[in-house]
Amino acid sequence: MHIDPQDEYERLGGAYERFARLLDAPDATLHRRAAAVSAWSPAQHLHHILIANGMMLKGIALICAGGSRILPEGALNDDGRYVLTHEHFPRGRGQAPAPTRPPDAPSREDLRQGLARSRSRYEAASNLLPQVPGARGYLPHLFLGQLDALQWLRLARVHSEHHLTIIDEILAEETA
């Protein structure tokens, strides 16, 4: 599987632009519920994405720095290969790990702060892009196996797009 770090980074940047635009939406839009689509509101999806991306981007930095928690060997499992090869998460199969689960109604201020923190990690990752393809080491993902820095970058983008698609479906349901 070929992964272009610059392309992944730029596409992830597009997701961050959408995150920022979503924060300009009215409260009723942010906290809209559409049970037929998702148990979470757009605000909850955004909260989850921002925490998860921050963790993934931190993992990339740790691998590039050769941190002490880095595994010298590793591999994706079958689910990891599927997600990163097809750039798609099957809907309804995964559960968000506890540290990334959102509160029932994240405040706009919490979301703004979360966006600032996550975007800061995203921007810092731009300096690592030349290192990412050759970075040695792996960090485990709860469901996908052990990922290297390049795989974490793709995962951040694919995961962001997955949740943005769900948000779009929730918002479409609102106008239907």
Protein backbone atom coordinates (compact mmCIF):
# COMPACT_ATOMS: atom_id res chain seq x y z
CA MET A 1 0.00 0.00 0.00
CA HIS A 2 1.49 3.32 -1.08
CA ILE A 3 0.91 6.28 1.23
CA ASP A 4 2.04 9.77 0.19
CA PRO A 5 2.66 11.75 3.40
CA GLN A 6 2.19 15.15 1.77
CA ASP A 7 -1.11 14.13 0.21
CA GLU A 8 -2.37 12.63 3.48
CA TYR A 9 -1.32 15.76 5.37
CA GLU A 10 -3.04 18.11 2.92
CA ARG A 11 -6.23 16.04 2.90
CA LEU A 12 -6.21 16.01 6.70
CA GLY A 13 -5.83 19.79 6.53
CA GLY A 14 -9.04 19.93 4.52
CA ALA A 15 -10.76 18.08 7.34
CA TYR A 16 -9.47 20.68 9.83
CA GLU A 17 -11.01 23.41 7.67
CA ARG A 18 -14.34 21.58 7.85
CA PHE A 19 -13.99 21.21 11.62
CA ALA A 20 -13.56 24.98 11.92
CA ARG A 21 -16.59 25.70 9.69
CA LEU A 22 -18.68 23.29 11.73
CA LEU A 23 -17.91 25.32 14.85
CA ASP A 24 -19.58 28.31 13.16
CA ALA A 25 -22.88 26.41 12.94
CA PRO A 26 -25.76 27.27 15.27
CA ASP A 27 -26.06 25.33 18.53
CA ALA A 28 -29.13 23.52 17.20
CA THR A 29 -27.02 22.17 14.33
CA LEU A 30 -24.07 21.18 16.52
CA HIS A 31 -26.30 19.31 18.94
CA ARG A 32 -28.72 17.85 16.38
CA ARG A 33 -29.73 14.25 16.97
CA ALA A 34 -30.59 11.79 14.22
CA ALA A 35 -30.88 8.38 15.86
CA ALA A 36 -31.33 6.68 12.48
CA VAL A 37 -27.83 7.87 11.55
CA SER A 38 -25.86 7.96 14.81
CA ALA A 39 -26.28 8.00 18.56
CA TRP A 40 -23.91 11.00 18.66
CA SER A 41 -24.55 14.60 17.69
CA PRO A 42 -22.23 16.48 15.30
CA ALA A 43 -20.66 18.12 18.37
CA GLN A 44 -19.93 14.72 19.89
CA HIS A 45 -18.41 13.44 16.64
CA LEU A 46 -16.26 16.56 16.43
CA HIS A 47 -15.16 16.22 20.07
CA HIS A 48 -14.19 12.59 19.41
CA ILE A 49 -12.29 13.38 16.20
CA LEU A 50 -10.29 16.16 17.82
CA ILE A 51 -9.19 14.00 20.76
CA ALA A 52 -8.40 11.00 18.54
CA ASN A 53 -6.47 13.11 16.02
CA GLY A 54 -4.46 14.70 18.80
CA MET A 55 -3.48 11.25 20.03
CA MET A 56 -2.64 10.00 16.52
CA LEU A 57 -0.55 13.05 15.69
CA LYS A 58 1.27 12.74 19.01
CA GLY A 59 1.99 9.11 18.10
CA ILE A 60 3.56 10.22 14.81
CA ALA A 61 5.80 12.64 16.70
CA LEU A 62 6.80 9.94 19.19
CA ILE A 63 7.70 7.50 16.43
CA CYS A 64 9.72 10.14 14.57
CA ALA A 65 11.55 11.00 17.80
CA GLY A 66 12.19 7.35 18.65
CA GLY A 67 10.39 7.55 21.99
CA SER A 68 10.80 4.86 24.62
CA ARG A 69 7.30 3.43 24.07
CA ILE A 70 7.99 2.71 20.41
CA LEU A 71 7.87 -0.95 19.36
CA PRO A 72 10.78 -1.99 17.13
CA GLU A 73 8.57 -4.35 15.12
CA GLY A 74 4.90 -4.48 14.36
CA ALA A 75 2.21 -5.05 11.78
CA LEU A 76 -1.34 -4.15 10.99
CA ASN A 77 -3.95 -6.80 11.70
CA ASP A 78 -6.63 -7.73 9.14
CA ASP A 79 -8.90 -4.87 10.21
CA GLY A 80 -6.01 -2.41 10.03
CA ARG A 81 -5.06 -3.55 6.53
CA TYR A 82 -8.69 -3.22 5.41
CA VAL A 83 -9.16 0.28 6.84
CA LEU A 84 -5.90 1.69 5.50
CA THR A 85 -6.06 -0.04 2.11
CA HIS A 86 -9.72 0.74 1.40
CA GLU A 87 -9.61 4.06 3.28
CA HIS A 88 -12.91 3.15 4.86
CA PHE A 89 -14.23 2.26 8.32
CA PRO A 90 -17.12 -0.20 8.36
CA ARG A 91 -20.03 1.52 10.09
CA GLY A 92 -21.34 0.34 13.43
CA ARG A 93 -18.57 -2.15 14.23
CA GLY A 94 -16.18 -0.18 16.40
CA GLN A 95 -16.57 1.40 19.77
CA ALA A 96 -14.63 4.52 20.64
CA PRO A 97 -11.99 3.85 23.30
CA ALA A 98 -12.89 5.43 26.65
CA PRO A 99 -10.41 8.35 26.41
CA THR A 100 -11.97 9.46 23.12
CA ARG A 101 -15.64 9.19 24.08
CA PRO A 102 -17.37 12.56 24.07
CA PRO A 103 -19.56 14.01 26.79
CA ASP A 104 -23.32 14.16 26.12
CA ALA A 105 -23.23 17.80 25.07
CA PRO A 106 -19.75 19.23 24.46
CA SER A 107 -19.77 23.00 24.80
CA ARG A 108 -18.75 25.22 21.92
CA GLU A 109 -15.85 26.45 24.06
CA ASP A 110 -14.68 22.87 24.71
CA LEU A 111 -14.83 22.23 20.97
CA ARG A 112 -12.91 25.43 20.16
CA GLN A 113 -10.21 24.54 22.69
CA GLY A 114 -10.08 20.98 21.37
CA LEU A 115 -9.73 22.27 17.81
CA ALA A 116 -6.91 24.61 18.85
CA ARG A 117 -5.01 21.79 20.61
CA SER A 118 -5.52 19.29 17.80
CA ARG A 119 -4.73 21.81 15.07
CA SER A 120 -1.52 22.72 16.90
CA ARG A 121 -0.42 19.07 16.75
CA TYR A 122 -1.46 18.96 13.09
CA GLU A 123 0.61 22.04 12.26
CA ALA A 124 3.61 20.68 14.19
CA ALA A 125 3.38 17.48 12.14
CA SER A 126 4.21 19.46 8.97
CA ASN A 127 7.83 19.66 10.17
CA LEU A 128 7.92 15.88 10.52
CA LEU A 129 6.68 15.03 7.02
CA PRO A 130 10.19 14.47 5.60
CA GLN A 131 10.90 12.00 8.43
CA VAL A 132 7.58 10.14 8.40
CA PRO A 133 8.26 7.68 5.52
CA GLY A 134 11.56 6.51 6.99
CA ALA A 135 10.64 6.64 10.66
CA ARG A 136 11.23 3.26 12.29
CA GLY A 137 8.96 1.94 14.97
CA TYR A 138 5.35 1.20 15.72
CA LEU A 139 2.68 2.13 18.22
CA PRO A 140 -0.30 -0.12 18.90
CA HIS A 141 -3.86 0.77 17.99
CA LEU A 142 -6.56 -0.84 20.12
CA PHE A 143 -8.30 -2.45 17.11
CA LEU A 144 -6.00 -2.20 14.08
CA GLY A 145 -2.65 -3.65 15.19
CA GLN A 146 0.68 -1.83 15.31
CA LEU A 147 1.01 1.19 13.03
CA ASP A 148 4.07 3.09 11.82
CA ALA A 149 4.13 6.88 11.47
CA LEU A 150 2.91 6.88 7.87
CA GLN A 151 0.02 4.57 8.73
CA TRP A 152 -0.97 6.76 11.70
CA LEU A 153 -1.08 9.76 9.36
CA ARG A 154 -3.39 7.96 6.95
CA LEU A 155 -5.52 6.72 9.83
CA ALA A 156 -5.98 10.27 11.16
CA ARG A 157 -7.22 11.39 7.75
CA VAL A 158 -9.46 8.36 7.10
CA HIS A 159 -10.91 8.51 10.61
CA SER A 160 -11.63 12.24 10.25
CA GLU A 161 -13.37 11.72 6.92
CA HIS A 162 -15.37 8.82 8.37
CA HIS A 163 -16.82 11.02 11.10
CA LEU A 164 -17.32 14.00 8.78
CA THR A 165 -19.41 11.75 6.53
CA ILE A 166 -21.56 10.78 9.51
CA ILE A 167 -21.92 14.45 10.47
CA ASP A 168 -23.02 15.23 6.89
CA GLU A 169 -25.64 12.48 7.12
CA ILE A 170 -26.93 13.82 10.44
CA LEU A 171 -27.22 17.31 8.99
CA ALA A 172 -28.94 15.99 5.84
CA GLU A 173 -31.42 14.15 8.05
CA GLU A 174 -32.20 17.48 9.73
CA THR A 175 -33.37 19.03 6.47
CA ALA A 176 -35.18 15.98 5.13
